[in-house]
Amino acid sequence: MSFEQFDNGFLMMRNIRIPRENMLSRYSEVLPDGTYIKRGSDKMNYFTMIGVRVLILFSEVLDALMKACTISIRYSAVRRQSELRPGDKEPKILEYQTQQQKLLPLLSTCYAIHFAVCGTENLYDRVYGEIKNGDFDSLPELHALSSGMKAYVTEICSNGVEVCRKACGGHGYSLFSGLPTMYNKVTASCTYDGENTVLLLQVARFLVKCFAAAKSGQSLPPTLAYLSSPVSTACQANSHEDFLNPEVYLQAYQHRAYRLIASAASKMQKMVLSGAEQYEAWNSTSVELLKASIAHIHYFIVKSFVEVLGSFKKSPGIQKVLKSLCDLHAQHGIFTHAGDFLLDGHLSAKQLDMVTTSYLGLLAVIRKDAVSLVDAFDYADEQLMSALGSYDGNVYHNLLQRVMENPENNQVRPEAEN
């Protein structure tokens, strides 16, 4: 499935001699007597793999969701269907709140992930500078963040592309929409360069280690510093407007991540103290550890989005729109994962109603700028390769044109002429 243009396999040759100097032996070599020699640092070689992991998030994974959002939102701003107000003409389907609920949170997710990947790249560059000076201390933090981002982003983007396809109805199922091919390609990212469950468990291992370090008063890496200062008070929001304050929802996300990490780590420790082997305790809490890893990465993404808003002070118009996108992304997460925020009382049922009110209101706000926000991705029609998502919005003409250009439709069948 996926990557049809690639043929994964191996090459076997007989009676062929390759000179040893042509065998790409920069980091490893096989001597004439068969002795294997490895050069360089394992950590440095591993660092190179992390760089590839960060690179694919932009070039392969996020790119797919941005294209899918562009196609589906443009199509939804053209397609008219049913009746919203009795007696009026058919509205654009993007006017329906249910369609907004499908697509606009994904649009905000595109922007949120973009800024979070930028933050990951900044950490990568900093660690690279440290490694050049022989300091590998920050490599575990970078490994945990890049692994978690890869797992989280690939799942969100592959699922998101499929939501976009379904949001375009039957036309989205057509290959002419460009969406099936896009989904078929991006879904492979959940497996290559590390299967996502395995990567999230690697993140969890680092989280448990840092949680123990925080308990003993040790210093923590910047992305895990919140484990040393948990949010101990319940949310103080009194109205739905309060949830437009980034500090309010950031604390909620921080509290959620801390609670899930602490809960999983504590359960595992209790099992070990009760006589269970370490591997048994780990396996028995692995589902909760996965959830903790996801919560940690989600917090990092929301935090990255909030932090970048300050850099747009000289462009208040852009800052205002990005602030609404940030609010929407954060509130959609609370709306979708309500149980995580309600479980220990950090949010009350009444406050969740406030979040819902604020969230649904933001859908209407973002709807006004939705087409402009996908146009800002600046994809040419040749890149989208979609009859539904062209810049001119001429969906039905483009669909008919694609059908007419299909070679199968130009064949003359004699039996049909009689």
Protein backbone atom coordinates (compact mmCIF):
# COMPACT_ATOMS: atom_id res chain seq x y z
CA MET A 1 0.00 0.00 0.00
CA SER A 2 1.25 3.47 -0.96
CA PHE A 3 4.48 4.52 -2.61
CA GLU A 4 3.56 2.53 -5.71
CA GLN A 5 6.41 4.21 -7.56
CA PHE A 6 8.97 2.65 -5.20
CA ASP A 7 10.14 -0.94 -5.35
CA ASN A 8 11.52 -1.99 -1.97
CA GLY A 9 13.74 -5.04 -2.14
CA PHE A 10 17.33 -6.11 -2.54
CA LEU A 11 19.87 -6.53 -5.31
CA MET A 12 21.68 -9.83 -5.78
CA MET A 13 24.60 -10.08 -8.19
CA ARG A 14 26.68 -13.03 -9.34
CA ASN A 15 30.16 -12.93 -10.84
CA ILE A 16 30.29 -9.18 -10.33
CA ARG A 17 33.15 -7.49 -8.49
CA ILE A 18 32.74 -4.02 -6.99
CA PRO A 19 36.03 -2.28 -6.10
CA ARG A 20 36.16 -1.65 -2.36
CA GLU A 21 36.87 2.03 -2.94
CA ASN A 22 33.44 2.33 -4.60
CA MET A 23 31.44 0.79 -1.74
CA LEU A 24 30.36 3.97 0.12
CA SER A 25 32.67 3.23 3.05
CA ARG A 26 32.64 6.56 4.84
CA TYR A 27 31.14 5.28 8.07
CA SER A 28 31.81 1.54 7.80
CA GLU A 29 34.14 -0.73 5.88
CA VAL A 30 34.71 -4.41 5.20
CA LEU A 31 38.40 -5.35 4.92
CA PRO A 32 39.62 -7.87 2.31
CA ASP A 33 39.74 -10.56 5.01
CA GLY A 34 36.06 -9.94 5.91
CA THR A 35 36.69 -7.85 9.04
CA TYR A 36 33.96 -5.24 9.62
CA ILE A 37 35.12 -1.81 10.81
CA LYS A 38 32.75 0.90 12.03
CA ARG A 39 33.86 4.54 12.02
CA GLY A 40 32.49 7.59 13.73
CA SER A 41 30.26 8.02 16.74
CA ASP A 42 27.03 6.05 17.16
CA LYS A 43 25.47 9.17 18.59
CA MET A 44 26.47 11.24 15.56
CA ASN A 45 25.10 8.64 13.17
CA TYR A 46 21.87 8.60 15.19
CA PHE A 47 21.71 12.39 15.07
CA THR A 48 21.69 12.20 11.27
CA MET A 49 18.61 9.96 11.39
CA ILE A 50 16.85 12.49 13.62
CA GLY A 51 17.53 15.16 11.00
CA VAL A 52 15.76 13.08 8.35
CA ARG A 53 12.83 12.56 10.72
CA VAL A 54 12.40 16.30 11.20
CA LEU A 55 12.76 16.98 7.47
CA ILE A 56 9.97 14.62 6.38
CA LEU A 57 7.47 16.34 8.66
CA PHE A 58 7.59 19.42 6.44
CA SER A 59 8.36 17.92 3.05
CA GLU A 60 6.06 14.88 3.10
CA VAL A 61 3.59 14.85 5.96
CA LEU A 62 2.39 18.36 6.79
CA ASP A 63 2.51 19.18 3.09
CA ALA A 64 -0.15 16.54 2.44
CA LEU A 65 -2.57 17.93 5.04
CA MET A 66 -2.07 21.49 3.80
CA LYS A 67 -2.87 20.40 0.25
CA ALA A 68 -5.90 18.40 1.39
CA CYS A 69 -7.23 21.37 3.37
CA THR A 70 -6.71 23.63 0.37
CA ILE A 71 -8.67 21.30 -1.90
CA SER A 72 -11.53 20.56 0.49
CA ILE A 73 -12.01 24.13 1.75
CA ARG A 74 -11.95 25.61 -1.76
CA TYR A 75 -14.43 22.97 -2.89
CA SER A 76 -16.66 23.61 0.13
CA ALA A 77 -16.70 27.32 -0.72
CA VAL A 78 -18.07 26.50 -4.20
CA ARG A 79 -20.30 23.45 -3.75
CA ARG A 80 -23.92 24.30 -2.92
CA GLN A 81 -26.33 21.81 -1.44
CA SER A 82 -29.62 21.43 0.48
CA GLU A 83 -31.36 24.28 2.24
CA LEU A 84 -30.11 26.14 5.29
CA ARG A 85 -32.88 28.72 5.54
CA PRO A 86 -36.35 27.82 4.19
CA GLY A 87 -36.97 29.48 0.85
CA ASP A 88 -33.38 30.60 0.25
CA LYS A 89 -31.16 29.21 -2.49
CA GLU A 90 -28.82 26.36 -1.68
CA PRO A 91 -25.93 27.59 0.49
CA LYS A 92 -22.27 26.79 0.09
CA ILE A 93 -21.59 23.71 2.17
CA LEU A 94 -18.91 25.58 4.11
CA GLU A 95 -21.76 27.56 5.70
CA TYR A 96 -22.90 24.43 7.53
CA GLN A 97 -21.44 24.17 11.02
CA THR A 98 -20.90 20.44 10.57
CA GLN A 99 -18.68 21.08 7.53
CA GLN A 100 -16.80 23.77 9.44
CA GLN A 101 -16.30 21.31 12.31
CA LYS A 102 -14.70 18.84 9.89
CA LEU A 103 -12.35 21.19 8.07
CA LEU A 104 -11.53 24.31 10.08
CA PRO A 105 -9.89 22.53 13.04
CA LEU A 106 -7.68 20.76 10.48
CA LEU A 107 -6.82 24.14 8.99
CA SER A 108 -5.78 25.42 12.41
CA THR A 109 -3.82 22.20 12.92
CA CYS A 110 -1.80 22.92 9.77
CA TYR A 111 -0.66 26.22 11.23
CA ALA A 112 -0.10 24.76 14.70
CA ILE A 113 2.05 21.90 13.41
CA HIS A 114 3.99 24.28 11.15
CA PHE A 115 5.11 26.37 14.11
CA ALA A 116 5.79 23.30 16.26
CA VAL A 117 8.00 21.77 13.56
CA CYS A 118 9.82 25.10 13.32
CA GLY A 119 10.41 24.83 17.08
CA THR A 120 11.70 21.30 16.64
CA GLU A 121 14.06 22.48 13.90
CA ASN A 122 15.34 25.23 16.20
CA LEU A 123 16.12 22.63 18.87
CA TYR A 124 17.82 20.49 16.23
CA ASP A 125 20.04 23.40 15.16
CA ARG A 126 20.95 24.17 18.78
CA VAL A 127 21.82 20.56 19.54
CA TYR A 128 23.85 20.36 16.33
CA GLY A 129 25.94 23.30 17.51
CA GLU A 130 26.47 21.62 20.87
CA ILE A 131 27.43 18.31 19.27
CA LYS A 132 30.05 20.01 17.11
CA ASN A 133 31.65 21.05 20.40
CA GLY A 134 31.47 17.50 21.71
CA ASP A 135 28.41 18.03 23.93
CA PHE A 136 25.75 15.32 23.46
CA ASP A 137 23.77 16.11 26.63
CA SER A 138 20.72 17.48 24.77
CA LEU A 139 20.49 14.61 22.29
CA PRO A 140 18.00 12.56 24.39
CA GLU A 141 15.63 15.54 24.56
CA LEU A 142 15.85 16.04 20.80
CA HIS A 143 15.33 12.34 20.18
CA ALA A 144 12.21 12.28 22.37
CA LEU A 145 10.75 15.40 20.78
CA SER A 146 11.46 14.38 17.18
CA SER A 147 10.12 10.86 17.80
CA GLY A 148 6.95 12.19 19.40
CA MET A 149 6.42 14.80 16.72
CA LYS A 150 6.89 12.23 13.97
CA ALA A 151 4.37 9.85 15.55
CA TYR A 152 1.80 12.51 16.47
CA VAL A 153 2.00 14.54 13.25
CA THR A 154 1.87 11.57 10.88
CA GLU A 155 -1.24 10.19 12.60
CA ILE A 156 -2.98 13.58 12.63
CA CYS A 157 -2.11 14.35 9.02
CA SER A 158 -2.97 10.95 7.56
CA ASN A 159 -6.31 10.91 9.40
CA GLY A 160 -6.89 14.55 8.44
CA VAL A 161 -6.41 13.92 4.73
CA GLU A 162 -9.05 11.19 4.92
CA VAL A 163 -11.45 13.57 6.71
CA CYS A 164 -10.90 16.10 3.91
CA ARG A 165 -11.63 13.43 1.30
CA LYS A 166 -14.89 12.43 2.98
CA ALA A 167 -15.88 16.09 3.39
CA CYS A 168 -15.90 16.39 -0.42
CA GLY A 169 -18.51 13.65 -0.77
CA GLY A 170 -18.51 11.47 -3.88
CA HIS A 171 -16.30 13.90 -5.78
CA GLY A 172 -13.66 13.48 -3.08
CA TYR A 173 -13.59 9.76 -3.77
CA SER A 174 -12.75 10.41 -7.42
CA LEU A 175 -9.08 10.28 -8.38
CA PHE A 176 -9.68 13.59 -10.14
CA SER A 177 -9.93 15.21 -6.69
CA GLY A 178 -6.31 14.33 -5.97
CA LEU A 179 -7.24 13.27 -2.45
CA PRO A 180 -7.16 9.44 -2.70
CA THR A 181 -3.62 9.52 -4.13
CA MET A 182 -2.60 12.00 -1.45
CA TYR A 183 -3.97 9.80 1.33
CA ASN A 184 -2.42 6.70 -0.15
CA LYS A 185 0.96 8.38 0.03
CA VAL A 186 0.81 10.08 3.42
CA THR A 187 -0.54 7.06 5.30
CA ALA A 188 2.77 5.28 4.71
CA SER A 189 4.43 7.89 6.94
CA CYS A 190 2.83 6.24 9.97
CA THR A 191 5.13 3.27 9.41
CA TYR A 192 8.32 4.37 7.70
CA ASP A 193 11.17 5.92 9.71
CA GLY A 194 9.81 4.31 12.85
CA GLU A 195 6.42 2.74 13.59
CA ASN A 196 4.42 5.24 15.61
CA THR A 197 3.61 3.10 18.64
CA VAL A 198 7.28 2.20 19.03
CA LEU A 199 8.29 5.86 18.76
CA LEU A 200 5.72 6.98 21.33
CA LEU A 201 6.97 4.35 23.77
CA GLN A 202 10.49 5.72 23.29
CA VAL A 203 9.10 9.14 24.19
CA ALA A 204 7.41 7.61 27.23
CA ARG A 205 10.68 6.13 28.44
CA PHE A 206 12.23 9.59 28.41
CA LEU A 207 9.17 11.11 30.11
CA VAL A 208 9.31 8.57 32.95
CA LYS A 209 13.02 9.23 33.40
CA CYS A 210 12.45 13.00 33.54
CA PHE A 211 9.51 12.59 35.92
CA ALA A 212 11.75 10.67 38.32
CA ALA A 213 14.43 13.34 37.93
CA ALA A 214 11.90 16.07 38.75
CA LYS A 215 10.83 14.21 41.88
CA SER A 216 14.44 14.14 43.08
CA GLY A 217 14.95 17.85 42.38
CA GLN A 218 17.21 17.50 39.35
CA SER A 219 17.18 19.99 36.49
CA LEU A 220 15.18 19.05 33.40
CA PRO A 221 15.46 19.79 29.67
CA PRO A 222 13.48 22.89 28.57
CA THR A 223 10.68 20.91 26.89
CA LEU A 224 10.10 18.93 30.10
CA ALA A 225 10.62 21.73 32.62
CA TYR A 226 6.89 21.76 33.42
CA LEU A 227 7.29 18.46 35.28
CA SER A 228 9.07 20.42 38.02
CA SER A 229 6.20 22.90 38.43
CA PRO A 230 2.82 21.16 38.03
CA VAL A 231 -0.40 23.15 37.84
CA SER A 232 -1.98 22.41 41.21
CA THR A 233 -5.09 24.60 41.05
CA ALA A 234 -8.30 24.05 39.14
CA CYS A 235 -9.08 26.19 36.11
CA GLN A 236 -10.32 29.64 37.16
CA ALA A 237 -12.28 30.49 33.98
CA ASN A 238 -15.68 32.07 34.63
CA SER A 239 -16.94 32.62 31.08
CA HIS A 240 -16.38 31.37 27.56
CA GLU A 241 -14.36 34.53 26.82
CA ASP A 242 -11.81 33.39 29.42
CA PHE A 243 -10.94 30.46 27.18
CA LEU A 244 -9.69 32.92 24.57
CA ASN A 245 -6.83 33.62 26.99
CA PRO A 246 -3.88 31.41 25.96
CA GLU A 247 -2.68 31.24 29.55
CA VAL A 248 -5.92 29.51 30.56
CA TYR A 249 -5.82 26.74 27.97
CA LEU A 250 -2.04 26.36 28.18
CA GLN A 251 -2.39 25.56 31.88
CA ALA A 252 -5.10 23.03 31.03
CA TYR A 253 -2.83 21.28 28.51
CA GLN A 254 0.12 21.37 30.90
CA HIS A 255 -1.98 19.91 33.69
CA ARG A 256 -3.29 17.16 31.43
CA ALA A 257 0.20 16.15 30.28
CA TYR A 258 1.59 16.19 33.82
CA ARG A 259 -1.30 14.17 35.24
CA LEU A 260 -1.08 11.46 32.58
CA ILE A 261 2.71 11.17 32.90
CA ALA A 262 2.53 11.08 36.70
CA SER A 263 -0.28 8.52 36.69
CA ALA A 264 1.48 6.11 34.31
CA ALA A 265 4.86 6.48 36.04
CA SER A 266 3.34 5.98 39.49
CA LYS A 267 1.42 2.86 38.43
CA MET A 268 4.54 1.37 36.93
CA GLN A 269 6.57 2.11 40.07
CA LYS A 270 3.92 0.55 42.32
CA MET A 271 3.94 -2.63 40.25
CA VAL A 272 7.73 -2.90 40.53
CA LEU A 273 7.58 -2.30 44.29
CA SER A 274 4.94 -5.04 44.51
CA GLY A 275 7.36 -7.53 42.98
CA ALA A 276 6.68 -7.26 39.26
CA GLU A 277 9.59 -7.35 36.84
CA GLN A 278 10.43 -4.05 35.16
CA TYR A 279 9.40 -5.35 31.74
CA GLU A 280 6.07 -6.60 33.13
CA ALA A 281 5.32 -3.25 34.71
CA TRP A 282 6.26 -1.47 31.50
CA ASN A 283 4.04 -3.64 29.33
CA SER A 284 1.10 -3.40 31.75
CA THR A 285 1.18 0.41 31.66
CA SER A 286 2.15 0.85 27.99
CA VAL A 287 -1.31 1.99 26.87
CA GLU A 288 -1.31 4.74 29.50
CA LEU A 289 2.27 5.63 28.61
CA LEU A 290 1.23 6.10 24.99
CA LYS A 291 -1.53 8.44 26.07
CA ALA A 292 0.92 10.40 28.21
CA SER A 293 3.33 10.77 25.28
CA ILE A 294 0.57 12.08 23.03
CA ALA A 295 -0.52 14.59 25.69
CA HIS A 296 3.07 15.81 26.07
CA ILE A 297 3.47 16.40 22.32
CA HIS A 298 0.05 18.05 22.09
CA TYR A 299 1.06 20.44 24.87
CA PHE A 300 4.31 21.22 23.03
CA ILE A 301 2.39 22.02 19.83
CA VAL A 302 -0.11 24.33 21.56
CA LYS A 303 2.70 26.02 23.51
CA SER A 304 4.74 26.54 20.32
CA PHE A 305 1.77 28.20 18.63
CA VAL A 306 1.13 30.50 21.58
CA GLU A 307 4.79 31.52 21.82
CA VAL A 308 5.04 32.45 18.15
CA LEU A 309 2.09 34.86 18.32
CA GLY A 310 4.28 37.48 19.97
CA SER A 311 6.52 37.69 16.91
CA PHE A 312 3.66 39.18 14.86
CA LYS A 313 3.18 42.33 16.96
CA LYS A 314 4.16 44.52 14.00
CA SER A 315 1.47 42.86 11.87
CA PRO A 316 -1.67 43.12 14.04
CA GLY A 317 -4.00 41.90 11.28
CA ILE A 318 -2.04 38.71 10.79
CA GLN A 319 -1.59 38.30 14.53
CA LYS A 320 -5.35 38.53 15.09
CA VAL A 321 -6.12 35.78 12.58
CA LEU A 322 -3.33 33.55 13.89
CA LYS A 323 -4.58 34.10 17.44
CA SER A 324 -8.03 32.86 16.40
CA LEU A 325 -6.45 29.82 14.74
CA CYS A 326 -4.44 29.13 17.89
CA ASP A 327 -7.56 29.43 20.05
CA LEU A 328 -9.47 27.12 17.72
CA HIS A 329 -6.74 24.49 17.71
CA ALA A 330 -6.45 24.48 21.49
CA GLN A 331 -10.18 24.46 22.14
CA HIS A 332 -10.79 21.73 19.58
CA GLY A 333 -8.35 19.56 21.53
CA ILE A 334 -10.25 20.17 24.77
CA PHE A 335 -13.61 19.66 23.05
CA THR A 336 -12.41 16.37 21.51
CA HIS A 337 -10.60 14.98 24.56
CA ALA A 338 -12.94 16.35 27.21
CA GLY A 339 -12.51 13.37 29.51
CA ASP A 340 -8.80 14.02 29.96
CA PHE A 341 -9.50 17.54 31.21
CA LEU A 342 -12.52 16.64 33.34
CA LEU A 343 -11.17 13.52 35.02
CA ASP A 344 -9.52 15.04 38.08
CA GLY A 345 -11.59 18.21 38.18
CA HIS A 346 -9.17 20.66 36.53
CA LEU A 347 -12.09 21.62 34.30
CA SER A 348 -15.68 21.40 35.48
CA ALA A 349 -18.66 20.35 33.38
CA LYS A 350 -19.80 23.98 33.39
CA GLN A 351 -16.41 25.11 32.09
CA LEU A 352 -16.54 22.48 29.37
CA ASP A 353 -19.81 24.06 28.23
CA MET A 354 -17.93 27.38 28.09
CA VAL A 355 -15.25 25.78 25.92
CA THR A 356 -17.93 24.40 23.61
CA THR A 357 -19.55 27.83 23.24
CA SER A 358 -16.21 29.49 22.53
CA TYR A 359 -15.12 26.74 20.14
CA LEU A 360 -18.29 26.83 18.04
CA GLY A 361 -18.08 30.62 17.91
CA LEU A 362 -14.53 30.39 16.57
CA LEU A 363 -15.69 28.17 13.72
CA ALA A 364 -17.83 31.04 12.44
CA VAL A 365 -14.93 33.49 12.89
CA ILE A 366 -12.43 31.36 10.96
CA ARG A 367 -14.99 30.59 8.25
CA LYS A 368 -14.69 34.20 7.02
CA ASP A 369 -10.98 33.81 6.31
CA ALA A 370 -10.85 30.11 5.50
CA VAL A 371 -10.23 30.42 1.76
CA SER A 372 -7.63 33.14 2.26
CA LEU A 373 -5.88 31.02 4.87
CA VAL A 374 -5.46 28.09 2.48
CA ASP A 375 -4.53 30.44 -0.37
CA ALA A 376 -1.70 31.57 1.92
CA PHE A 377 -0.17 28.09 1.55
CA ASP A 378 0.56 29.26 -2.01
CA TYR A 379 0.11 25.99 -3.87
CA ALA A 380 -0.02 26.18 -7.64
CA ASP A 381 -2.74 24.16 -9.37
CA GLU A 382 0.02 21.99 -10.84
CA GLN A 383 1.07 21.02 -7.31
CA LEU A 384 -2.45 20.19 -6.12
CA MET A 385 -3.36 18.21 -9.26
CA SER A 386 -7.02 18.43 -8.28
CA ALA A 387 -10.15 19.24 -10.25
CA LEU A 388 -11.83 20.28 -6.98
CA GLY A 389 -9.18 22.57 -5.54
CA SER A 390 -8.05 24.80 -8.39
CA TYR A 391 -7.47 28.47 -7.61
CA ASP A 392 -10.19 29.68 -10.00
CA GLY A 393 -12.86 27.65 -8.18
CA ASN A 394 -14.30 26.39 -11.47
CA VAL A 395 -14.94 22.92 -10.10
CA TYR A 396 -17.52 21.52 -12.50
CA HIS A 397 -15.81 22.78 -15.64
CA ASN A 398 -12.54 21.24 -14.44
CA LEU A 399 -14.22 17.93 -13.63
CA LEU A 400 -15.83 17.78 -17.07
CA GLN A 401 -12.53 18.69 -18.69
CA ARG A 402 -10.72 15.88 -16.86
CA VAL A 403 -13.39 13.40 -17.93
CA MET A 404 -13.22 14.54 -21.55
CA GLU A 405 -9.42 14.24 -21.55
CA ASN A 406 -9.49 10.69 -20.21
CA PRO A 407 -8.34 8.42 -23.09
CA GLU A 408 -10.96 5.80 -22.23
CA ASN A 409 -13.70 8.31 -22.97
CA ASN A 410 -12.33 8.98 -26.46
CA GLN A 411 -12.63 5.40 -27.65
CA VAL A 412 -15.30 4.68 -30.24
CA ARG A 413 -17.18 1.44 -29.65
CA PRO A 414 -18.86 0.16 -32.84
CA GLU A 415 -21.45 -1.83 -30.93
CA ALA A 416 -22.63 1.37 -29.25
CA GLU A 417 -23.16 3.16 -32.57
CA ASN A 418 -25.65 0.64 -33.91
